[in-house]
Structures are given as structure tokens and as C-alpha cells.
């Protein structure tokens, strides 16, 4: 177990802003986490479990608490049949490393989620999604520790209350449990999901494989998102808003080219990037922060941004979309005080 004080965490969160944490603790065993939960350090100070720091915005330059990072990086094949496998993965495994491993083994289900930053533990909390697939589609169960007691609890998929970019861990049980491992159910004869966005148009041939899908998704994401060594960012900053069909039909009269995706009979999803772009925000700057030129969903650390720069920019965008379309867009990124 590793414990650091007054730790500079610029390299540990993807916005790459200069932030210090009062303590940074990394553990590689569940028993170590249990000990930490019973320790005076966590009993007397605020703390935050974090993964790859890809969905976080520290709103101050000092976090006066304890950052907990999992280095549990085990990958275990639990069971295998002719059609599927169950794989248990430690919370500290880099998500895209796991996707690459699945594709190399011929295990389908995660390929559309390629190149999403972060770690396995966060995938189960955030219900990450891309190109018509959400991680809930392949999660079998989530192993956790209860923060108050240090006792283990396993959540079956249905207990996780998954929704669009949400889970029970973000809402009803927020701050109550820490994910230690996730078990995924993957297919040996996968059904490909190609009809979201421009994914199908990026593929050719009659015999498309999950490796082909992974390559296409990576190429698309690289064309839209800044590389970490180019600009700091948190990837997609805003969630795509889900609105009633009636509201969409009214807006469609005024904005005939407004795209949408059907959620259910009563709701559609509208791309937040389209809304932000049409409000004229592409490339606009606020202090050292900016809207990425290639994808309006992405806010970047362009010129040594400070946390306040990003917060102000996000609020201005949100207000602009609300005033123009009557639609509220909300951050996918978690603000950390």
C-alpha cells in the first residue's frame, strides 16, 4: 500500500490541471482497502475513490482530503461455455486494456466501448456507453465493499439500477460502496452493433469482426477527441439530453435538421454536441479552457486552464442551450470540491 502526502496529481486526472491532494493512497488488495476503511485517516478526513481520473473536474487547486486509487489489476476467467465467458476484472485495470484483451480473445460485447478512458471500477459506476452499447449490457455482477462497515457486497446487474450514464452507485447509494471488481459476460459469437452514428459507414466488407469494429471505433474517437498529450480534457463533458417526443416534435418544426435517437415510445435522445455546435460554441474560449474544435462535447485545457475557467465555460454553454432550445444539458463529468 502506498500513501503520499501533499501529492501533485496533475498526471492522475485527464484535465491535467495543477491540483494537489492532501493525501493520495493506492492499494492493490481488498484487505488493504478494508484496513483503510477502518483507519483514522478515512474516519477523520473526506475521501474520494478515483479511477483513471477521466470523469473528474477538481474545482479547486487543492483537494483537502484523501484520494483512494485501486491498483487491483487481476483478470480471472471464471467460467466458459460454447457460447460465452464470465471474466472477473479488478477495479484498477485500465478499461481499454481490458477491451483490447477481449477482442484479442474473440470475446464480443465490449468492442464498441473501445478507447474510452478510465478504469474498470468506474465503468460499473458510470455505466459508460458509446455507439449504441452501454457497459450494463455486459456486466453480470459488481463486487464492492461497504464504506461504513468494510463488509463485502455483490450487486447483481439488476440491483445496479442502470440507466443512461447512471447507476445506483451514482444516486441512491452514492458514497456508500467502493467497487473492487466487476464480472463481465462476453460472447463467443457476438451480435455486432453497427447502426449508431457513423460506425457502419466506417466499416467495409461482408465479414466484419469485433477487431474491425474496435479499429473503426478507435479511428472515429481519435478523429473527434484530443489525445492526452495534446490537450487535457475529460472526454465528453455533457450527457446527451433525453427529452419527451412531444418536445422534440415541436423543436423539429423550428429546427428541421435536429438529429435524434429513439429511447422509447415517449422519449428521444438529442446529441448535446449538435446543440452546442449550433449555439456557436465551437472553438470558443474562457480563460485557459476552450470548446474543442473537432467535437463540441469536449471541453479542453488549452492554455494552462484553471478549474474556474472550465466551470464558467460549462455554465455559459448550458445557459446558451437552455435559452435557445429549452433543453437542459447536464455534465457527465463529476465536479469535485
Protein backbone atom coordinates (compact mmCIF):
# COMPACT_ATOMS: atom_id res chain seq x y z
CA UNK A 1 0.00 0.00 0.00
CA UNK A 2 1.27 3.44 -0.92
CA UNK A 3 0.50 6.65 0.99
CA UNK A 4 1.65 10.09 -0.22
CA UNK A 5 1.08 13.48 1.40
CA UNK A 6 0.54 16.82 -0.38
CA UNK A 7 0.64 14.91 -3.65
CA UNK A 8 0.68 16.65 -7.02
CA UNK A 9 -1.96 14.86 -9.10
CA UNK A 10 -1.76 16.70 -12.43
CA UNK A 11 -0.81 13.43 -14.17
CA UNK A 12 -3.58 11.46 -12.41
CA UNK A 13 -6.60 13.23 -13.89
CA UNK A 14 -7.19 13.77 -17.58
CA UNK A 15 -7.89 17.52 -17.42
CA UNK A 16 -4.20 17.80 -16.49
CA UNK A 17 -4.69 20.87 -14.31
CA UNK A 18 -2.28 21.60 -11.44
CA UNK A 19 -4.04 20.14 -8.41
CA UNK A 20 -2.68 18.92 -5.09
CA UNK A 21 -4.30 16.27 -2.90
CA UNK A 22 -3.73 16.33 0.86
CA UNK A 23 -3.24 12.56 0.70
CA UNK A 24 -3.03 10.02 -2.11
CA UNK A 25 -3.41 6.33 -1.22
CA UNK A 26 -3.07 3.38 -3.59
CA UNK A 27 -3.91 -0.20 -2.62
CA UNK A 28 -3.63 -3.47 -4.54
CA UNK A 29 -5.58 -5.84 -2.28
CA UNK A 30 -9.12 -5.83 -0.96
CA UNK A 31 -7.82 -6.49 2.56
CA UNK A 32 -5.79 -3.28 2.38
CA UNK A 33 -8.91 -1.33 1.47
CA UNK A 34 -10.74 -2.88 4.43
CA UNK A 35 -7.93 -1.73 6.72
CA UNK A 36 -8.09 1.76 5.23
CA UNK A 37 -11.83 2.00 5.79
CA UNK A 38 -11.26 1.29 9.49
CA UNK A 39 -8.31 3.69 9.75
CA UNK A 40 -8.26 7.10 11.42
CA UNK A 41 -7.17 8.61 8.09
CA UNK A 42 -10.50 7.86 6.45
CA UNK A 43 -12.60 8.19 9.58
CA UNK A 44 -11.48 11.77 10.17
CA UNK A 45 -10.99 13.13 6.65
CA UNK A 46 -13.09 13.31 3.48
CA UNK A 47 -12.03 10.83 0.82
CA UNK A 48 -12.74 10.07 -2.80
CA UNK A 49 -12.34 6.74 -4.62
CA UNK A 50 -10.96 7.50 -8.08
CA UNK A 51 -10.03 5.52 -11.14
CA UNK A 52 -8.17 6.97 -14.11
CA UNK A 53 -9.40 10.48 -13.32
CA UNK A 54 -11.14 10.69 -16.69
CA UNK A 55 -14.52 11.83 -15.44
CA UNK A 56 -13.45 14.33 -12.78
CA UNK A 57 -13.15 18.09 -12.57
CA UNK A 58 -11.41 19.28 -9.43
CA UNK A 59 -12.99 22.70 -8.91
CA UNK A 60 -10.20 23.92 -6.60
CA UNK A 61 -6.44 23.66 -6.90
CA UNK A 62 -6.21 21.81 -3.57
CA UNK A 63 -8.28 18.77 -2.63
CA UNK A 64 -8.20 18.73 1.17
CA UNK A 65 -8.91 15.04 1.58
CA UNK A 66 -7.76 11.55 0.65
CA UNK A 67 -7.76 10.24 -2.90
CA UNK A 68 -8.12 6.45 -2.96
CA UNK A 69 -6.89 4.62 -6.04
CA UNK A 70 -7.27 0.93 -6.73
CA UNK A 71 -4.29 -0.97 -8.10
CA UNK A 72 -6.25 -4.25 -8.10
CA UNK A 73 -5.45 -5.41 -11.62
CA UNK A 74 -6.35 -9.09 -11.67
CA UNK A 75 -8.20 -10.66 -14.63
CA UNK A 76 -9.70 -14.11 -13.98
CA UNK A 77 -11.69 -16.35 -16.30
CA UNK A 78 -14.47 -17.67 -14.05
CA UNK A 79 -16.34 -19.90 -16.47
CA UNK A 80 -16.63 -20.74 -20.14
CA UNK A 81 -19.22 -22.43 -22.35
CA UNK A 82 -19.55 -22.87 -26.11
CA UNK A 83 -21.27 -19.51 -26.33
CA UNK A 84 -19.98 -17.23 -23.57
CA UNK A 85 -17.38 -16.49 -20.91
CA UNK A 86 -17.55 -14.88 -17.49
CA UNK A 87 -14.49 -12.77 -16.65
CA UNK A 88 -13.82 -11.13 -13.28
CA UNK A 89 -11.71 -7.99 -13.56
CA UNK A 90 -10.08 -5.92 -10.82
CA UNK A 91 -11.27 -2.34 -10.43
CA UNK A 92 -7.83 -0.93 -11.21
CA UNK A 93 -7.49 -2.48 -14.68
CA UNK A 94 -7.38 0.14 -17.42
CA UNK A 95 -10.66 -0.15 -19.28
CA UNK A 96 -9.28 -0.08 -22.80
CA UNK A 97 -6.61 -2.63 -21.94
CA UNK A 98 -9.43 -4.95 -20.93
CA UNK A 99 -11.34 -4.26 -24.17
CA UNK A 100 -8.21 -4.99 -26.19
CA UNK A 101 -7.78 -8.28 -24.33
CA UNK A 102 -11.40 -9.27 -25.00
CA UNK A 103 -11.07 -8.57 -28.71
CA UNK A 104 -7.79 -10.49 -28.92
CA UNK A 105 -9.51 -13.49 -27.29
CA UNK A 106 -12.52 -13.22 -29.63
CA UNK A 107 -14.87 -12.30 -26.79
CA UNK A 108 -17.52 -9.93 -28.05
CA UNK A 109 -19.58 -7.29 -26.31
CA UNK A 110 -17.09 -4.59 -25.32
CA UNK A 111 -15.68 -3.63 -28.72
CA UNK A 112 -18.00 -0.62 -29.22
CA UNK A 113 -16.65 0.74 -25.93
CA UNK A 114 -13.07 0.85 -27.19
CA UNK A 115 -10.78 3.76 -26.37
CA UNK A 116 -12.93 5.09 -23.54
CA UNK A 117 -10.55 6.42 -20.87
CA UNK A 118 -10.71 5.30 -17.26
CA UNK A 119 -10.64 2.06 -15.32
CA UNK A 120 -12.88 -0.95 -14.79
CA UNK A 121 -14.29 0.12 -11.42
CA UNK A 122 -15.54 3.41 -12.81
CA UNK A 123 -17.13 1.67 -15.81
CA UNK A 124 -19.63 -0.01 -13.48
CA UNK A 125 -20.38 3.20 -11.60
CA UNK A 126 -20.78 5.49 -14.62
CA UNK A 127 -22.40 2.94 -16.96
CA UNK A 128 -20.10 4.08 -19.74
CA UNK A 129 -21.52 3.87 -23.24
CA UNK A 130 -20.72 4.50 -26.90
CA UNK A 131 -22.05 3.62 -30.34
CA UNK A 132 -25.29 2.06 -29.17
CA UNK A 133 -23.77 -0.07 -26.39
CA UNK A 134 -23.64 0.50 -22.64
CA UNK A 135 -21.44 -1.41 -20.24
CA UNK A 136 -24.55 -2.59 -18.37
CA UNK A 137 -25.19 -4.82 -21.38
CA UNK A 138 -22.22 -6.99 -20.45
CA UNK A 139 -21.99 -6.64 -16.65
CA UNK A 140 -23.01 -9.75 -14.71
CA UNK A 141 -22.19 -8.53 -11.20
CA UNK A 142 -20.26 -5.88 -9.30
CA UNK A 143 -18.18 -6.65 -6.21
CA UNK A 144 -17.94 -3.88 -3.61
CA UNK A 145 -17.04 -3.02 -0.05
CA UNK A 146 -19.49 -1.10 2.09
CA UNK A 147 -17.70 2.03 3.27
CA UNK A 148 -19.40 2.19 6.68
CA UNK A 149 -18.55 -1.39 7.69
CA UNK A 150 -15.85 -2.66 5.33
CA UNK A 151 -18.10 -5.63 4.58
CA UNK A 152 -18.23 -7.08 1.05
CA UNK A 153 -21.40 -6.97 -1.01
CA UNK A 154 -22.01 -8.31 -4.51
CA UNK A 155 -24.55 -6.49 -6.66
CA UNK A 156 -26.20 -8.43 -9.47
CA UNK A 157 -26.79 -6.47 -12.66
CA UNK A 158 -30.48 -5.92 -11.92
CA UNK A 159 -29.64 -4.47 -8.50
CA UNK A 160 -27.41 -1.81 -10.01
CA UNK A 161 -30.39 0.19 -11.38
CA UNK A 162 -28.57 1.08 -14.57
CA UNK A 163 -29.80 3.91 -16.74
CA UNK A 164 -28.24 6.32 -19.21
CA UNK A 165 -24.86 7.22 -17.64
CA UNK A 166 -26.26 6.33 -14.24
CA UNK A 167 -26.36 3.59 -11.64
CA UNK A 168 -27.37 3.02 -8.05
CA UNK A 169 -23.77 3.90 -7.14
CA UNK A 170 -24.24 7.42 -8.51
CA UNK A 171 -27.61 8.04 -6.90
CA UNK A 172 -29.32 6.04 -4.12
CA UNK A 173 -26.05 4.52 -2.85
CA UNK A 174 -23.67 7.32 -3.77
CA UNK A 175 -20.73 7.35 -1.39
CA UNK A 176 -21.83 4.11 0.28
CA UNK A 177 -19.78 1.49 -1.59
CA UNK A 178 -16.41 1.15 -3.33
CA UNK A 179 -16.14 -1.15 -6.36
CA UNK A 180 -13.36 -3.73 -6.08
CA UNK A 181 -14.08 -5.95 -9.11
CA UNK A 182 -16.56 -6.37 -11.96
CA UNK A 183 -17.63 -9.60 -13.66
CA UNK A 184 -18.47 -9.32 -17.35
CA UNK A 185 -20.44 -11.72 -19.55
CA UNK A 186 -18.94 -11.84 -23.04
CA UNK A 187 -19.99 -13.68 -26.17
CA UNK A 188 -18.02 -16.06 -28.36
CA UNK A 189 -20.44 -15.49 -31.26
CA UNK A 190 -21.24 -11.81 -30.77
CA UNK A 191 -24.04 -9.84 -32.32
CA UNK A 192 -22.45 -6.70 -33.75
CA UNK A 193 -23.97 -3.27 -33.05
CA UNK A 194 -23.19 -1.06 -36.03
CA UNK A 195 -26.16 1.25 -36.50
CA UNK A 196 -25.27 4.11 -34.15
CA UNK A 197 -23.74 7.26 -35.59
CA UNK A 198 -21.38 6.74 -38.49
CA UNK A 199 -19.96 3.42 -37.32
CA UNK A 200 -21.36 1.26 -40.13
CA UNK A 201 -20.11 3.71 -42.76
CA UNK A 202 -16.62 3.32 -41.32
CA UNK A 203 -16.63 -0.44 -41.98
CA UNK A 204 -16.47 -2.36 -45.21
CA UNK A 205 -16.68 -5.95 -46.37
CA UNK A 206 -19.12 -8.78 -45.77
CA UNK A 207 -17.37 -10.41 -42.82
CA UNK A 208 -16.95 -7.73 -40.17
CA UNK A 209 -15.24 -8.88 -36.98
CA UNK A 210 -15.09 -7.42 -33.49
CA UNK A 211 -11.48 -6.45 -34.28
CA UNK A 212 -12.77 -4.46 -37.26
CA UNK A 213 -15.30 -2.73 -35.01
CA UNK A 214 -12.65 -1.90 -32.43
CA UNK A 215 -10.36 -0.38 -35.07
CA UNK A 216 -13.22 1.68 -36.52
CA UNK A 217 -14.32 2.97 -33.12
CA UNK A 218 -10.76 3.95 -32.22
CA UNK A 219 -10.31 5.76 -35.54
CA UNK A 220 -13.58 7.67 -35.05
CA UNK A 221 -12.79 8.62 -31.46
CA UNK A 222 -9.28 9.74 -32.40
CA UNK A 223 -10.72 11.95 -35.13
CA UNK A 224 -13.04 13.66 -32.65
CA UNK A 225 -11.20 13.65 -29.33
CA UNK A 226 -7.86 15.20 -28.39
CA UNK A 227 -5.03 12.88 -27.49
CA UNK A 228 -4.00 13.23 -23.83
CA UNK A 229 -0.61 14.69 -24.78
CA UNK A 230 -2.33 17.30 -26.96
CA UNK A 231 -4.88 18.81 -24.58
CA UNK A 232 -6.20 17.83 -21.19
CA UNK A 233 -9.91 17.01 -21.17
CA UNK A 234 -12.46 14.71 -19.60
CA UNK A 235 -13.73 13.37 -22.91
CA UNK A 236 -17.42 14.10 -23.40
CA UNK A 237 -18.22 16.79 -20.86
CA UNK A 238 -22.02 16.79 -21.24
CA UNK A 239 -24.55 13.98 -21.40
CA UNK A 240 -26.88 13.78 -24.38
CA UNK A 241 -30.24 15.06 -23.11
CA UNK A 242 -33.29 12.80 -23.20
CA UNK A 243 -36.49 14.75 -23.92
CA UNK A 244 -40.18 13.90 -24.48
CA UNK A 245 -41.21 13.10 -28.03
CA UNK A 246 -43.73 15.96 -27.93
CA UNK A 247 -40.99 18.47 -27.15
CA UNK A 248 -38.82 17.07 -29.93
CA UNK A 249 -41.65 17.32 -32.46
CA UNK A 250 -42.18 20.98 -31.54
CA UNK A 251 -38.47 21.73 -31.88
CA UNK A 252 -38.33 19.86 -35.19
CA UNK A 253 -40.67 22.44 -36.71
CA UNK A 254 -38.18 25.21 -35.90
CA UNK A 255 -35.03 23.15 -36.42
CA UNK A 256 -35.78 20.59 -39.18
CA UNK A 257 -32.26 19.13 -39.19
CA UNK A 258 -32.17 18.38 -35.46
CA UNK A 259 -30.95 14.76 -35.10
CA UNK A 260 -32.30 12.32 -32.55
CA UNK A 261 -32.17 8.71 -31.39
CA UNK A 262 -35.23 6.86 -30.12
CA UNK A 263 -35.04 5.90 -26.45
CA UNK A 264 -38.56 4.55 -26.04
CA UNK A 265 -42.09 5.36 -27.21
CA UNK A 266 -42.18 8.55 -25.16
CA UNK A 267 -38.59 9.83 -25.30
CA UNK A 268 -35.77 10.63 -27.71
CA UNK A 269 -32.11 11.46 -27.16
CA UNK A 270 -30.72 14.60 -28.80
CA UNK A 271 -26.95 14.89 -29.37
CA UNK A 272 -25.61 17.52 -26.99
CA UNK A 273 -22.69 18.16 -29.33
CA UNK A 274 -25.10 19.23 -32.08
CA UNK A 275 -26.92 21.60 -29.73
CA UNK A 276 -23.67 23.17 -28.51
CA UNK A 277 -22.31 23.48 -32.05
CA UNK A 278 -25.48 25.16 -33.34
CA UNK A 279 -25.27 27.64 -30.46
CA UNK A 280 -21.93 28.74 -31.88
CA UNK A 281 -19.59 27.43 -29.20
CA UNK A 282 -17.10 25.51 -31.33
CA UNK A 283 -13.60 26.76 -30.55
CA UNK A 284 -14.80 29.40 -28.06
CA UNK A 285 -12.54 30.03 -25.07
CA UNK A 286 -12.95 31.03 -21.45
CA UNK A 287 -9.64 31.80 -19.76
CA UNK A 288 -7.45 28.80 -20.48
CA UNK A 289 -10.39 26.48 -21.25
CA UNK A 290 -11.99 26.00 -24.67
CA UNK A 291 -14.54 24.01 -26.64
CA UNK A 292 -12.66 21.53 -28.81
CA UNK A 293 -12.73 22.41 -32.50
CA UNK A 294 -13.41 18.86 -33.64
CA UNK A 295 -16.12 17.91 -31.11
CA UNK A 296 -18.26 20.38 -29.19
CA UNK A 297 -18.97 17.86 -26.43
CA UNK A 298 -15.36 18.15 -25.32
CA UNK A 299 -14.03 20.97 -23.15
CA UNK A 300 -10.25 21.18 -23.17
CA UNK A 301 -7.42 22.58 -21.11
CA UNK A 302 -6.00 24.67 -23.94
CA UNK A 303 -3.84 27.32 -22.24
CA UNK A 304 -2.98 26.17 -18.71
CA UNK A 305 -6.62 26.34 -17.64
CA UNK A 306 -7.66 26.69 -14.04
CA UNK A 307 -10.70 24.86 -12.65
CA UNK A 308 -12.75 28.08 -12.59
CA UNK A 309 -12.20 28.53 -16.33
CA UNK A 310 -13.82 25.17 -17.09
CA UNK A 311 -16.70 25.76 -14.66
CA UNK A 312 -17.51 29.16 -16.17
CA UNK A 313 -17.33 27.84 -19.72
CA UNK A 314 -19.61 24.89 -18.91
CA UNK A 315 -22.18 27.16 -17.24
CA UNK A 316 -22.24 29.55 -20.19
CA UNK A 317 -22.76 26.67 -22.63
CA UNK A 318 -25.51 25.18 -20.50
CA UNK A 319 -27.32 28.51 -20.27
CA UNK A 320 -26.99 29.12 -24.01
CA UNK A 321 -28.52 25.74 -24.93
CA UNK A 322 -31.35 26.27 -22.45
CA UNK A 323 -32.16 29.71 -23.84
CA UNK A 324 -32.01 28.57 -27.48
CA UNK A 325 -33.73 25.18 -27.34
CA UNK A 326 -35.41 24.97 -23.94
CA UNK A 327 -33.29 21.86 -23.29
CA UNK A 328 -31.19 21.37 -20.16
CA UNK A 329 -27.85 19.68 -20.70
CA UNK A 330 -26.04 18.32 -17.66
CA UNK A 331 -22.38 17.49 -17.13
CA UNK A 332 -21.31 13.89 -17.37
CA UNK A 333 -18.18 14.98 -15.52
CA UNK A 334 -18.22 14.89 -11.73
CA UNK A 335 -17.32 18.14 -10.00
CA UNK A 336 -15.03 17.51 -7.01
CA UNK A 337 -14.89 20.23 -4.34
